[in-house]
Amino acid sequence: MFRLALAALLISTPALAGKHDASWNPPARFDNAYTGKLTVIKLPQKQVVTACAKLFASYKVAAKSSFTQRGCAAITGKTSCTVIVIDKPYALATPKAVLRHELGHCNGWPANHPD
């Protein structure tokens, strides 16, 4: 019975990386729709790691991928950006929250998240 109650609690707990998470969301000036050509690729988390490493290498992005990576973005042209995101919640992040974060990078938010 305890396990069932615990499972119900965990399922109903919202992801932390979302609407009101200031440390995850881009600053207001970068937190808007991307106006160029946007390519969004949704993958299982384990594939995100490999795909992001390839994306970074292809476009000479200085960032590195990690085993817990939830997404990545690269400017792929003057008016184009490619975003790779998880296809389902992972490590307290939803695909929607990850997409919002990565769109901030498409809009110019630096990878070191200065503000």
PDB file of N, CA and C in Angstrom:
ATOM      1  N   MET A   1       0.822  -1.191   0.000  1.00  0.00           N
ATOM      2  CA  MET A   1       0.000   0.000   0.000  1.00  0.00           C
ATOM      3  C   MET A   1       0.870   1.261   0.000  1.00  0.00           C
ATOM      4  N   PHE A   2       1.936   1.240   0.820  1.00  0.00           N
ATOM      5  CA  PHE A   2       2.843   2.385   0.889  1.00  0.00           C
ATOM      6  C   PHE A   2       3.463   2.656  -0.475  1.00  0.00           C
ATOM      7  N   ARG A   3       3.892   1.590  -1.159  1.00  0.00           N
ATOM      8  CA  ARG A   3       4.510   1.757  -2.476  1.00  0.00           C
ATOM      9  C   ARG A   3       3.535   2.363  -3.479  1.00  0.00           C
ATOM     10  N   LEU A   4       2.289   1.950  -3.408  1.00  0.00           N
ATOM     11  CA  LEU A   4       1.272   2.482  -4.308  1.00  0.00           C
ATOM     12  C   LEU A   4       1.054   3.973  -4.048  1.00  0.00           C
ATOM     13  N   ALA A   5       0.985   4.358  -2.790  1.00  0.00           N
ATOM     14  CA  ALA A   5       0.810   5.774  -2.438  1.00  0.00           C
ATOM     15  C   ALA A   5       2.018   6.590  -2.882  1.00  0.00           C
ATOM     16  N   LEU A   6       3.206   6.040  -2.689  1.00  0.00           N
ATOM     17  CA  LEU A   6       4.426   6.728  -3.103  1.00  0.00           C
ATOM     18  C   LEU A   6       4.459   6.896  -4.623  1.00  0.00           C
ATOM     19  N   ALA A   7       4.090   5.859  -5.342  1.00  0.00           N
ATOM     20  CA  ALA A   7       4.064   5.933  -6.805  1.00  0.00           C
ATOM     21  C   ALA A   7       3.071   6.993  -7.275  1.00  0.00           C
ATOM     22  N   ALA A   8       1.903   7.057  -6.650  1.00  0.00           N
ATOM     23  CA  ALA A   8       0.903   8.063  -7.020  1.00  0.00           C
ATOM     24  C   ALA A   8       1.428   9.471  -6.764  1.00  0.00           C
ATOM     25  N   LEU A   9       2.130   9.652  -5.663  1.00  0.00           N
ATOM     26  CA  LEU A   9       2.709  10.956  -5.345  1.00  0.00           C
ATOM     27  C   LEU A   9       3.756  11.353  -6.378  1.00  0.00           C
ATOM     28  N   LEU A  10       4.621  10.432  -6.740  1.00  0.00           N
ATOM     29  CA  LEU A  10       5.675  10.729  -7.708  1.00  0.00           C
ATOM     30  C   LEU A  10       5.110  11.052  -9.085  1.00  0.00           C
ATOM     31  N   ILE A  11       4.075  10.350  -9.479  1.00  0.00           N
ATOM     32  CA  ILE A  11       3.460  10.591 -10.781  1.00  0.00           C
ATOM     33  C   ILE A  11       2.815  11.971 -10.824  1.00  0.00           C
ATOM     34  N   SER A  12       2.246  12.418  -9.702  1.00  0.00           N
ATOM     35  CA  SER A  12       1.547  13.698  -9.691  1.00  0.00           C
ATOM     36  C   SER A  12       2.462  14.889  -9.435  1.00  0.00           C
ATOM     37  N   THR A  13       3.733  14.658  -9.127  1.00  0.00           N
ATOM     38  CA  THR A  13       4.670  15.747  -8.872  1.00  0.00           C
ATOM     39  C   THR A  13       5.089  16.385 -10.190  1.00  0.00           C
ATOM     40  N   PRO A  14       4.950  17.719 -10.316  1.00  0.00           N
ATOM     41  CA  PRO A  14       5.313  18.367 -11.576  1.00  0.00           C
ATOM     42  C   PRO A  14       6.816  18.408 -11.795  1.00  0.00           C
ATOM     43  N   ALA A  15       7.214  18.517 -13.045  1.00  0.00           N
ATOM     44  CA  ALA A  15       8.636  18.660 -13.371  1.00  0.00           C
ATOM     45  C   ALA A  15       9.129  20.010 -12.887  1.00  0.00           C
ATOM     46  N   LEU A  16      10.333  20.073 -12.391  1.00  0.00           N
ATOM     47  CA  LEU A  16      10.891  21.319 -11.880  1.00  0.00           C
ATOM     48  C   LEU A  16      11.282  22.284 -12.987  1.00  0.00           C
ATOM     49  N   ALA A  17      11.760  21.779 -14.076  1.00  0.00           N
ATOM     50  CA  ALA A  17      12.211  22.652 -15.163  1.00  0.00           C
ATOM     51  C   ALA A  17      11.001  23.075 -15.975  1.00  0.00           C
ATOM     52  N   GLY A  18      10.433  24.174 -15.620  1.00  0.00           N
ATOM     53  CA  GLY A  18       9.230  24.591 -16.309  1.00  0.00           C
ATOM     54  C   GLY A  18       8.956  26.070 -16.204  1.00  0.00           C
ATOM     55  N   LYS A  19       7.697  26.407 -16.249  1.00  0.00           N
ATOM     56  CA  LYS A  19       7.224  27.773 -16.378  1.00  0.00           C
ATOM     57  C   LYS A  19       7.844  28.757 -15.388  1.00  0.00           C
ATOM     58  N   HIS A  20       8.001  28.370 -14.141  1.00  0.00           N
ATOM     59  CA  HIS A  20       8.456  29.307 -13.117  1.00  0.00           C
ATOM     60  C   HIS A  20       9.860  29.008 -12.606  1.00  0.00           C
ATOM     61  N   ASP A  21      10.655  28.313 -13.351  1.00  0.00           N
ATOM     62  CA  ASP A  21      12.010  27.963 -12.917  1.00  0.00           C
ATOM     63  C   ASP A  21      13.003  28.944 -13.524  1.00  0.00           C
ATOM     64  N   ALA A  22      13.318  29.989 -12.763  1.00  0.00           N
ATOM     65  CA  ALA A  22      14.187  31.057 -13.278  1.00  0.00           C
ATOM     66  C   ALA A  22      15.581  30.568 -13.640  1.00  0.00           C
ATOM     67  N   SER A  23      16.062  29.541 -12.974  1.00  0.00           N
ATOM     68  CA  SER A  23      17.411  29.053 -13.279  1.00  0.00           C
ATOM     69  C   SER A  23      17.440  28.240 -14.574  1.00  0.00           C
ATOM     70  N   TRP A  24      16.306  27.764 -15.022  1.00  0.00           N
ATOM     71  CA  TRP A  24      16.235  26.938 -16.226  1.00  0.00           C
ATOM     72  C   TRP A  24      15.800  27.746 -17.444  1.00  0.00           C
ATOM     73  N   ASN A  25      14.827  28.646 -17.235  1.00  0.00           N
ATOM     74  CA  ASN A  25      14.277  29.401 -18.356  1.00  0.00           C
ATOM     75  C   ASN A  25      15.217  30.516 -18.803  1.00  0.00           C
ATOM     76  N   PRO A  26      15.207  30.825 -20.091  1.00  0.00           N
ATOM     77  CA  PRO A  26      16.061  31.916 -20.573  1.00  0.00           C
ATOM     78  C   PRO A  26      15.561  33.268 -20.060  1.00  0.00           C
ATOM     79  N   PRO A  27      16.448  34.258 -19.989  1.00  0.00           N
ATOM     80  CA  PRO A  27      16.020  35.608 -19.624  1.00  0.00           C
ATOM     81  C   PRO A  27      14.967  36.113 -20.621  1.00  0.00           C
ATOM     82  N   ALA A  28      14.144  37.043 -20.184  1.00  0.00           N
ATOM     83  CA  ALA A  28      13.010  37.525 -20.985  1.00  0.00           C
ATOM     84  C   ALA A  28      13.405  37.937 -22.403  1.00  0.00           C
ATOM     85  N   ARG A  29      14.561  38.561 -22.573  1.00  0.00           N
ATOM     86  CA  ARG A  29      14.932  39.041 -23.912  1.00  0.00           C
ATOM     87  C   ARG A  29      15.221  37.897 -24.892  1.00  0.00           C
ATOM     88  N   PHE A  30      15.472  36.687 -24.374  1.00  0.00           N
ATOM     89  CA  PHE A  30      15.711  35.523 -25.234  1.00  0.00           C
ATOM     90  C   PHE A  30      14.532  34.546 -25.227  1.00  0.00           C
ATOM     91  N   ASP A  31      13.545  34.798 -24.362  1.00  0.00           N
ATOM     92  CA  ASP A  31      12.439  33.867 -24.137  1.00  0.00           C
ATOM     93  C   ASP A  31      11.248  34.223 -25.028  1.00  0.00           C
ATOM     94  N   ASN A  32      11.412  34.002 -26.322  1.00  0.00           N
ATOM     95  CA  ASN A  32      10.335  34.265 -27.265  1.00  0.00           C
ATOM     96  C   ASN A  32      10.469  33.324 -28.455  1.00  0.00           C
ATOM     97  N   ALA A  33       9.490  33.376 -29.329  1.00  0.00           N
ATOM     98  CA  ALA A  33       9.498  32.489 -30.498  1.00  0.00           C
ATOM     99  C   ALA A  33      10.702  32.794 -31.389  1.00  0.00           C
ATOM    100  N   TYR A  34      11.243  31.757 -31.989  1.00  0.00           N
ATOM    101  CA  TYR A  34      12.336  31.932 -32.945  1.00  0.00           C
ATOM    102  C   TYR A  34      11.716  32.295 -34.288  1.00  0.00           C
ATOM    103  N   THR A  35      12.224  33.330 -34.938  1.00  0.00           N
ATOM    104  CA  THR A  35      11.600  33.815 -36.176  1.00  0.00           C
ATOM    105  C   THR A  35      12.221  33.251 -37.450  1.00  0.00           C
ATOM    106  N   GLY A  36      13.324  32.542 -37.328  1.00  0.00           N
ATOM    107  CA  GLY A  36      13.952  31.942 -38.502  1.00  0.00           C
ATOM    108  C   GLY A  36      13.409  30.550 -38.772  1.00  0.00           C
ATOM    109  N   LYS A  37      14.107  29.821 -39.623  1.00  0.00           N
ATOM    110  CA  LYS A  37      13.739  28.434 -39.919  1.00  0.00           C
ATOM    111  C   LYS A  37      14.171  27.576 -38.733  1.00  0.00           C
ATOM    112  N   LEU A  38      13.218  26.921 -38.127  1.00  0.00           N
ATOM    113  CA  LEU A  38      13.478  26.113 -36.938  1.00  0.00           C
ATOM    114  C   LEU A  38      13.259  24.638 -37.247  1.00  0.00           C
ATOM    115  N   THR A  39      14.253  23.824 -36.919  1.00  0.00           N
ATOM    116  CA  THR A  39      14.128  22.376 -37.033  1.00  0.00           C
ATOM    117  C   THR A  39      14.164  21.810 -35.625  1.00  0.00           C
ATOM    118  N   VAL A  40      13.117  21.092 -35.230  1.00  0.00           N
ATOM    119  CA  VAL A  40      13.045  20.484 -33.903  1.00  0.00           C
ATOM    120  C   VAL A  40      13.032  18.975 -34.075  1.00  0.00           C
ATOM    121  N   ILE A  41      13.955  18.316 -33.391  1.00  0.00           N
ATOM    122  CA  ILE A  41      14.065  16.859 -33.440  1.00  0.00           C
ATOM    123  C   ILE A  41      13.828  16.328 -32.033  1.00  0.00           C
ATOM    124  N   LYS A  42      12.834  15.445 -31.878  1.00  0.00           N
ATOM    125  CA  LYS A  42      12.538  14.837 -30.577  1.00  0.00           C
ATOM    126  C   LYS A  42      13.045  13.402 -30.583  1.00  0.00           C
ATOM    127  N   LEU A  43      13.830  13.069 -29.554  1.00  0.00           N
ATOM    128  CA  LEU A  43      14.445  11.743 -29.465  1.00  0.00           C
ATOM    129  C   LEU A  43      14.405  11.222 -28.036  1.00  0.00           C
ATOM    130  N   PRO A  44      14.528   9.904 -27.852  1.00  0.00           N
ATOM    131  CA  PRO A  44      14.722   9.364 -26.509  1.00  0.00           C
ATOM    132  C   PRO A  44      16.018   9.936 -25.915  1.00  0.00           C
ATOM    133  N   GLN A  45      16.058  10.099 -24.603  1.00  0.00           N
ATOM    134  CA  GLN A  45      17.182  10.775 -23.956  1.00  0.00           C
ATOM    135  C   GLN A  45      18.533  10.183 -24.331  1.00  0.00           C
ATOM    136  N   LYS A  46      18.669   8.887 -24.370  1.00  0.00           N
ATOM    137  CA  LYS A  46      19.974   8.294 -24.705  1.00  0.00           C
ATOM    138  C   LYS A  46      20.424   8.689 -26.112  1.00  0.00           C
ATOM    139  N   GLN A  47      19.488   8.849 -27.026  1.00  0.00           N
ATOM    140  CA  GLN A  47      19.830   9.277 -28.386  1.00  0.00           C
ATOM    141  C   GLN A  47      20.127  10.778 -28.449  1.00  0.00           C
ATOM    142  N   VAL A  48      19.545  11.546 -27.520  1.00  0.00           N
ATOM    143  CA  VAL A  48      19.811  12.988 -27.463  1.00  0.00           C
ATOM    144  C   VAL A  48      21.303  13.233 -27.253  1.00  0.00           C
ATOM    145  N   VAL A  49      21.920  12.468 -26.375  1.00  0.00           N
ATOM    146  CA  VAL A  49      23.348  12.633 -26.063  1.00  0.00           C
ATOM    147  C   VAL A  49      24.189  12.517 -27.336  1.00  0.00           C
ATOM    148  N   THR A  50      23.987  11.461 -28.096  1.00  0.00           N
ATOM    149  CA  THR A  50      24.748  11.231 -29.324  1.00  0.00           C
ATOM    150  C   THR A  50      24.416  12.269 -30.393  1.00  0.00           C
ATOM    151  N   ALA A  51      23.130  12.556 -30.552  1.00  0.00           N
ATOM    152  CA  ALA A  51      22.712  13.521 -31.569  1.00  0.00           C
ATOM    153  C   ALA A  51      23.254  14.918 -31.269  1.00  0.00           C
ATOM    154  N   CYS A  52      23.279  15.301 -30.001  1.00  0.00           N
ATOM    155  CA  CYS A  52      23.813  16.623 -29.638  1.00  0.00           C
ATOM    156  C   CYS A  52      25.317  16.687 -29.892  1.00  0.00           C
ATOM    157  N   ALA A  53      26.024  15.621 -29.581  1.00  0.00           N
ATOM    158  CA  ALA A  53      27.471  15.598 -29.851  1.00  0.00           C
ATOM    159  C   ALA A  53      27.729  15.783 -31.346  1.00  0.00           C
ATOM    160  N   LYS A  54      26.931  15.118 -32.177  1.00  0.00           N
ATOM    161  CA  LYS A  54      27.084  15.247 -33.633  1.00  0.00           C
ATOM    162  C   LYS A  54      26.711  16.653 -34.108  1.00  0.00           C
ATOM    163  N   LEU A  55      25.634  17.207 -33.547  1.00  0.00           N
ATOM    164  CA  LEU A  55      25.219  18.561 -33.919  1.00  0.00           C
ATOM    165  C   LEU A  55      26.303  19.570 -33.554  1.00  0.00           C
ATOM    166  N   PHE A  56      26.841  19.450 -32.346  1.00  0.00           N
ATOM    167  CA  PHE A  56      27.903  20.358 -31.905  1.00  0.00           C
ATOM    168  C   PHE A  56      29.128  20.249 -32.812  1.00  0.00           C
ATOM    169  N   ALA A  57      29.504  19.032 -33.169  1.00  0.00           N
ATOM    170  CA  ALA A  57      30.673  18.830 -34.039  1.00  0.00           C
ATOM    171  C   ALA A  57      30.423  19.395 -35.439  1.00  0.00           C
ATOM    172  N   SER A  58      29.230  19.187 -35.967  1.00  0.00           N
ATOM    173  CA  SER A  58      28.908  19.651 -37.322  1.00  0.00           C
ATOM    174  C   SER A  58      28.959  21.165 -37.460  1.00  0.00           C
ATOM    175  N   TYR A  59      28.554  21.864 -36.399  1.00  0.00           N
ATOM    176  CA  TYR A  59      28.481  23.327 -36.476  1.00  0.00           C
ATOM    177  C   TYR A  59      29.510  24.012 -35.583  1.00  0.00           C
ATOM    178  N   LYS A  60      30.505  23.250 -35.154  1.00  0.00           N
ATOM    179  CA  LYS A  60      31.622  23.776 -34.358  1.00  0.00           C
ATOM    180  C   LYS A  60      31.144  24.558 -33.135  1.00  0.00           C
ATOM    181  N   VAL A  61      30.178  23.977 -32.430  1.00  0.00           N
ATOM    182  CA  VAL A  61      29.671  24.564 -31.190  1.00  0.00           C
ATOM    183  C   VAL A  61      30.616  24.152 -30.074  1.00  0.00           C
ATOM    184  N   ALA A  62      31.026  25.104 -29.254  1.00  0.00           N
ATOM    185  CA  ALA A  62      32.009  24.838 -28.203  1.00  0.00           C
ATOM    186  C   ALA A  62      31.444  24.026 -27.040  1.00  0.00           C
ATOM    187  N   ALA A  63      30.137  23.896 -26.939  1.00  0.00           N
ATOM    188  CA  ALA A  63      29.526  23.151 -25.835  1.00  0.00           C
ATOM    189  C   ALA A  63      29.828  21.659 -25.965  1.00  0.00           C
ATOM    190  N   LYS A  64      29.710  20.958 -24.852  1.00  0.00           N
ATOM    191  CA  LYS A  64      29.918  19.506 -24.838  1.00  0.00           C
ATOM    192  C   LYS A  64      28.624  18.825 -24.432  1.00  0.00           C
ATOM    193  N   SER A  65      28.413  17.624 -24.925  1.00  0.00           N
ATOM    194  CA  SER A  65      27.240  16.865 -24.504  1.00  0.00           C
ATOM    195  C   SER A  65      27.585  16.086 -23.242  1.00  0.00           C
ATOM    196  N   SER A  66      26.533  15.700 -22.506  1.00  0.00           N
ATOM    197  CA  SER A  66      26.740  14.932 -21.275  1.00  0.00           C
ATOM    198  C   SER A  66      25.755  13.771 -21.236  1.00  0.00           C
ATOM    199  N   PHE A  67      25.999  12.814 -20.347  1.00  0.00           N
ATOM    200  CA  PHE A  67      25.146  11.626 -20.260  1.00  0.00           C
ATOM    201  C   PHE A  67      23.730  11.958 -19.796  1.00  0.00           C
ATOM    202  N   THR A  68      23.547  13.098 -19.130  1.00  0.00           N
ATOM    203  CA  THR A  68      22.223  13.482 -18.644  1.00  0.00           C
ATOM    204  C   THR A  68      21.583  14.577 -19.490  1.00  0.00           C
ATOM    205  N   GLN A  69      22.117  14.807 -20.647  1.00  0.00           N
ATOM    206  CA  GLN A  69      21.637  15.875 -21.520  1.00  0.00           C
ATOM    207  C   GLN A  69      20.173  15.683 -21.883  1.00  0.00           C
ATOM    208  N   ARG A  70      19.427  16.788 -21.836  1.00  0.00           N
ATOM    209  CA  ARG A  70      18.005  16.768 -22.160  1.00  0.00           C
ATOM    210  C   ARG A  70      17.713  17.434 -23.493  1.00  0.00           C
ATOM    211  N   GLY A  71      18.688  18.170 -24.014  1.00  0.00           N
ATOM    212  CA  GLY A  71      18.494  18.841 -25.288  1.00  0.00           C
ATOM    213  C   GLY A  71      19.692  19.691 -25.651  1.00  0.00           C
ATOM    214  N   CYS A  72      19.647  20.250 -26.852  1.00  0.00           N
ATOM    215  CA  CYS A  72      20.716  21.135 -27.312  1.00  0.00           C
ATOM    216  C   CYS A  72      20.193  21.939 -28.489  1.00  0.00           C
ATOM    217  N   ALA A  73      20.944  22.972 -28.833  1.00  0.00           N
ATOM    218  CA  ALA A  73      20.581  23.805 -29.976  1.00  0.00           C
ATOM    219  C   ALA A  73      21.844  24.282 -30.658  1.00  0.00           C
ATOM    220  N   ALA A  74      21.743  24.510 -31.951  1.00  0.00           N
ATOM    221  CA  ALA A  74      22.854  25.079 -32.714  1.00  0.00           C
ATOM    222  C   ALA A  74      22.292  25.978 -33.800  1.00  0.00           C
ATOM    223  N   ILE A  75      22.900  27.149 -33.932  1.00  0.00           N
ATOM    224  CA  ILE A  75      22.571  28.034 -35.044  1.00  0.00           C
ATOM    225  C   ILE A  75      23.182  27.374 -36.281  1.00  0.00           C
ATOM    226  N   THR A  76      22.347  27.066 -37.256  1.00  0.00           N
ATOM    227  CA  THR A  76      22.804  26.304 -38.419  1.00  0.00           C
ATOM    228  C   THR A  76      22.896  27.139 -39.690  1.00  0.00           C
ATOM    229  N   GLY A  77      22.615  28.412 -39.578  1.00  0.00           N
ATOM    230  CA  GLY A  77      22.696  29.339 -40.703  1.00  0.00           C
ATOM    231  C   GLY A  77      22.354  30.736 -40.216  1.00  0.00           C
ATOM    232  N   LYS A  78      22.357  31.704 -41.119  1.00  0.00           N
ATOM    233  CA  LYS A  78      22.056  33.086 -40.710  1.00  0.00           C
ATOM    234  C   LYS A  78      20.673  33.213 -40.092  1.00  0.00           C
ATOM    235  N   THR A  79      19.731  32.442 -40.596  1.00  0.00           N
ATOM    236  CA  THR A  79      18.360  32.511 -40.075  1.00  0.00           C
ATOM    237  C   THR A  79      17.789  31.119 -39.814  1.00  0.00           C
ATOM    238  N   SER A  80      18.626  30.212 -39.334  1.00  0.00           N
ATOM    239  CA  SER A  80      18.129  28.864 -39.035  1.00  0.00           C
ATOM    240  C   SER A  80      18.775  28.310 -37.772  1.00  0.00           C
ATOM    241  N   CYS A  81      18.004  27.483 -37.096  1.00  0.00           N
ATOM    242  CA  CYS A  81      18.468  26.873 -35.847  1.00  0.00           C
ATOM    243  C   CYS A  81      17.911  25.456 -35.767  1.00  0.00           C
ATOM    244  N   THR A  82      18.732  24.535 -35.290  1.00  0.00           N
ATOM    245  CA  THR A  82      18.299  23.160 -35.062  1.00  0.00           C
ATOM    246  C   THR A  82      18.295  22.899 -33.566  1.00  0.00           C
ATOM    247  N   VAL A  83      17.198  22.328 -33.092  1.00  0.00           N
ATOM    248  CA  VAL A  83      17.032  22.003 -31.679  1.00  0.00           C
ATOM    249  C   VAL A  83      16.763  20.509 -31.563  1.00  0.00           C
ATOM    250  N   ILE A  84      17.427  19.878 -30.618  1.00  0.00           N
ATOM    251  CA  ILE A  84      17.181  18.472 -30.298  1.00  0.00           C
ATOM    252  C   ILE A  84      16.686  18.431 -28.859  1.00  0.00           C
ATOM    253  N   VAL A  85      15.554  17.764 -28.626  1.00  0.00           N
ATOM    254  CA  VAL A  85      14.989  17.681 -27.277  1.00  0.00           C
ATOM    255  C   VAL A  85      14.541  16.256 -26.969  1.00  0.00           C
ATOM    256  N   ILE A  86      14.428  15.991 -25.673  1.00  0.00           N
ATOM    257  CA  ILE A  86      13.904  14.706 -25.221  1.00  0.00           C
ATOM    258  C   ILE A  86      12.461  14.536 -25.701  1.00  0.00           C
ATOM    259  N   ASP A  87      12.060  13.293 -25.916  1.00  0.00           N
ATOM    260  CA  ASP A  87      10.702  13.038 -26.390  1.00  0.00           C
ATOM    261  C   ASP A  87       9.710  12.777 -25.265  1.00  0.00           C
ATOM    262  N   LYS A  88      10.212  12.630 -24.032  1.00  0.00           N
ATOM    263  CA  LYS A  88       9.340  12.450 -22.868  1.00  0.00           C
ATOM    264  C   LYS A  88      10.088  12.976 -21.642  1.00  0.00           C
ATOM    265  N   PRO A  89       9.392  13.234 -20.539  1.00  0.00           N
ATOM    266  CA  PRO A  89      10.063  13.792 -19.358  1.00  0.00           C
ATOM    267  C   PRO A  89      11.277  12.969 -18.929  1.00  0.00           C
ATOM    268  N   TYR A  90      12.320  13.699 -18.533  1.00  0.00           N
ATOM    269  CA  TYR A  90      13.561  13.066 -18.085  1.00  0.00           C
ATOM    270  C   TYR A  90      14.251  14.001 -17.097  1.00  0.00           C
ATOM    271  N   ALA A  91      14.739  13.466 -16.000  1.00  0.00           N
ATOM    272  CA  ALA A  91      15.506  14.215 -14.996  1.00  0.00           C
ATOM    273  C   ALA A  91      14.804  15.523 -14.616  1.00  0.00           C
ATOM    274  N   LEU A  92      13.543  15.412 -14.270  1.00  0.00           N
ATOM    275  CA  LEU A  92      12.725  16.537 -13.816  1.00  0.00           C
ATOM    276  C   LEU A  92      12.488  17.613 -14.874  1.00  0.00           C
ATOM    277  N   ALA A  93      12.620  17.272 -16.131  1.00  0.00           N
ATOM    278  CA  ALA A  93      12.361  18.232 -17.209  1.00  0.00           C
ATOM    279  C   ALA A  93      11.369  17.644 -18.205  1.00  0.00           C
ATOM    280  N   THR A  94      10.472  18.478 -18.674  1.00  0.00           N
ATOM    281  CA  THR A  94       9.527  18.064 -19.707  1.00  0.00           C
ATOM    282  C   THR A  94      10.071  18.475 -21.081  1.00  0.00           C
ATOM    283  N   PRO A  95       9.646  17.805 -22.137  1.00  0.00           N
ATOM    284  CA  PRO A  95      10.074  18.227 -23.474  1.00  0.00           C
ATOM    285  C   PRO A  95       9.744  19.698 -23.748  1.00  0.00           C
ATOM    286  N   LYS A  96       8.589  20.157 -23.281  1.00  0.00           N
ATOM    287  CA  LYS A  96       8.180  21.550 -23.491  1.00  0.00           C
ATOM    288  C   LYS A  96       9.150  22.517 -22.804  1.00  0.00           C
ATOM    289  N   ALA A  97       9.550  22.201 -21.574  1.00  0.00           N
ATOM    290  CA  ALA A  97      10.491  23.060 -20.842  1.00  0.00           C
ATOM    291  C   ALA A  97      11.861  23.061 -21.516  1.00  0.00           C
ATOM    292  N   VAL A  98      12.289  21.897 -21.995  1.00  0.00           N
ATOM    293  CA  VAL A  98      13.588  21.809 -22.679  1.00  0.00           C
ATOM    294  C   VAL A  98      13.547  22.618 -23.976  1.00  0.00           C
ATOM    295  N   LEU A  99      12.453  22.516 -24.720  1.00  0.00           N
ATOM    296  CA  LEU A  99      12.323  23.279 -25.961  1.00  0.00           C
ATOM    297  C   LEU A  99      12.393  24.781 -25.673  1.00  0.00           C
ATOM    298  N   ARG A 100      11.708  25.223 -24.643  1.00  0.00           N
ATOM    299  CA  ARG A 100      11.750  26.648 -24.274  1.00  0.00           C
ATOM    300  C   ARG A 100      13.182  27.087 -23.983  1.00  0.00           C
ATOM    301  N   HIS A 101      13.894  26.277 -23.217  1.00  0.00           N
ATOM    302  CA  HIS A 101      15.290  26.560 -22.871  1.00  0.00           C
ATOM    303  C   HIS A 101      16.151  26.648 -24.134  1.00  0.00           C
ATOM    304  N   GLU A 102      16.016  25.661 -25.000  1.00  0.00           N
ATOM    305  CA  GLU A 102      16.846  25.619 -26.207  1.00  0.00           C
ATOM    306  C   GLU A 102      16.494  26.734 -27.193  1.00  0.00           C
ATOM    307  N   LEU A 103      15.229  27.125 -27.263  1.00  0.00           N
ATOM    308  CA  LEU A 103      14.854  28.249 -28.121  1.00  0.00           C
ATOM    309  C   LEU A 103      15.535  29.531 -27.656  1.00  0.00           C
ATOM    310  N   GLY A 104      15.770  29.640 -26.354  1.00  0.00           N
ATOM    311  CA  GLY A 104      16.539  30.776 -25.851  1.00  0.00           C
ATOM    312  C   GLY A 104      17.917  30.823 -26.489  1.00  0.00           C
ATOM    313  N   HIS A 105      18.536  29.660 -26.665  1.00  0.00           N
ATOM    314  CA  HIS A 105      19.848  29.604 -27.324  1.00  0.00           C
ATOM    315  C   HIS A 105      19.730  29.986 -28.803  1.00  0.00           C
ATOM    316  N   CYS A 106      18.668  29.556 -29.459  1.00  0.00           N
ATOM    317  CA  CYS A 106      18.452  29.957 -30.859  1.00  0.00           C
ATOM    318  C   CYS A 106      18.336  31.479 -30.973  1.00  0.00           C
ATOM    319  N   ASN A 107      17.785  32.099 -29.933  1.00  0.00           N
ATOM    320  CA  ASN A 107      17.593  33.546 -29.920  1.00  0.00           C
ATOM    321  C   ASN A 107      18.800  34.314 -29.398  1.00  0.00           C
ATOM    322  N   GLY A 108      19.921  33.608 -29.167  1.00  0.00           N
ATOM    323  CA  GLY A 108      21.150  34.294 -28.797  1.00  0.00           C
ATOM    324  C   GLY A 108      21.604  34.148 -27.361  1.00  0.00           C
ATOM    325  N   TRP A 109      20.875  33.412 -26.535  1.00  0.00           N
ATOM    326  CA  TRP A 109      21.276  33.205 -25.146  1.00  0.00           C
ATOM    327  C   TRP A 109      22.546  32.356 -25.131  1.00  0.00           C
ATOM    328  N   PRO A 110      23.638  32.865 -24.565  1.00  0.00           N
ATOM    329  CA  PRO A 110      24.900  32.118 -24.569  1.00  0.00           C
ATOM    330  C   PRO A 110      24.817  30.791 -23.801  1.00  0.00           C
ATOM    331  N   ALA A 111      25.634  29.856 -24.199  1.00  0.00           N
ATOM    332  CA  ALA A 111      25.649  28.521 -23.589  1.00  0.00           C
ATOM    333  C   ALA A 111      26.028  28.546 -22.115  1.00  0.00           C
ATOM    334  N   ASN A 112      26.741  29.576 -21.665  1.00  0.00           N
ATOM    335  CA  ASN A 112      27.139  29.633 -20.250  1.00  0.00           C
ATOM    336  C   ASN A 112      26.061  30.260 -19.367  1.00  0.00           C
ATOM    337  N   HIS A 113      24.895  30.570 -19.940  1.00  0.00           N
ATOM    338  CA  HIS A 113      23.734  31.086 -19.202  1.00  0.00           C
ATOM    339  C   HIS A 113      24.112  32.228 -18.252  1.00  0.00           C
ATOM    340  N   PRO A 114      24.641  33.341 -18.774  1.00  0.00           N
ATOM    341  CA  PRO A 114      25.163  34.397 -17.914  1.00  0.00           C
ATOM    342  C   PRO A 114      24.136  35.121 -17.047  1.00  0.00           C
ATOM    343  N   ASP A 115      22.874  35.110 -17.413  1.00  0.00           N
ATOM    344  CA  ASP A 115      21.884  35.796 -16.572  1.00  0.00           C
ATOM    345  C   ASP A 115      20.565  35.082 -16.567  1.00  0.00           C
TER     346      ASP A 115
END
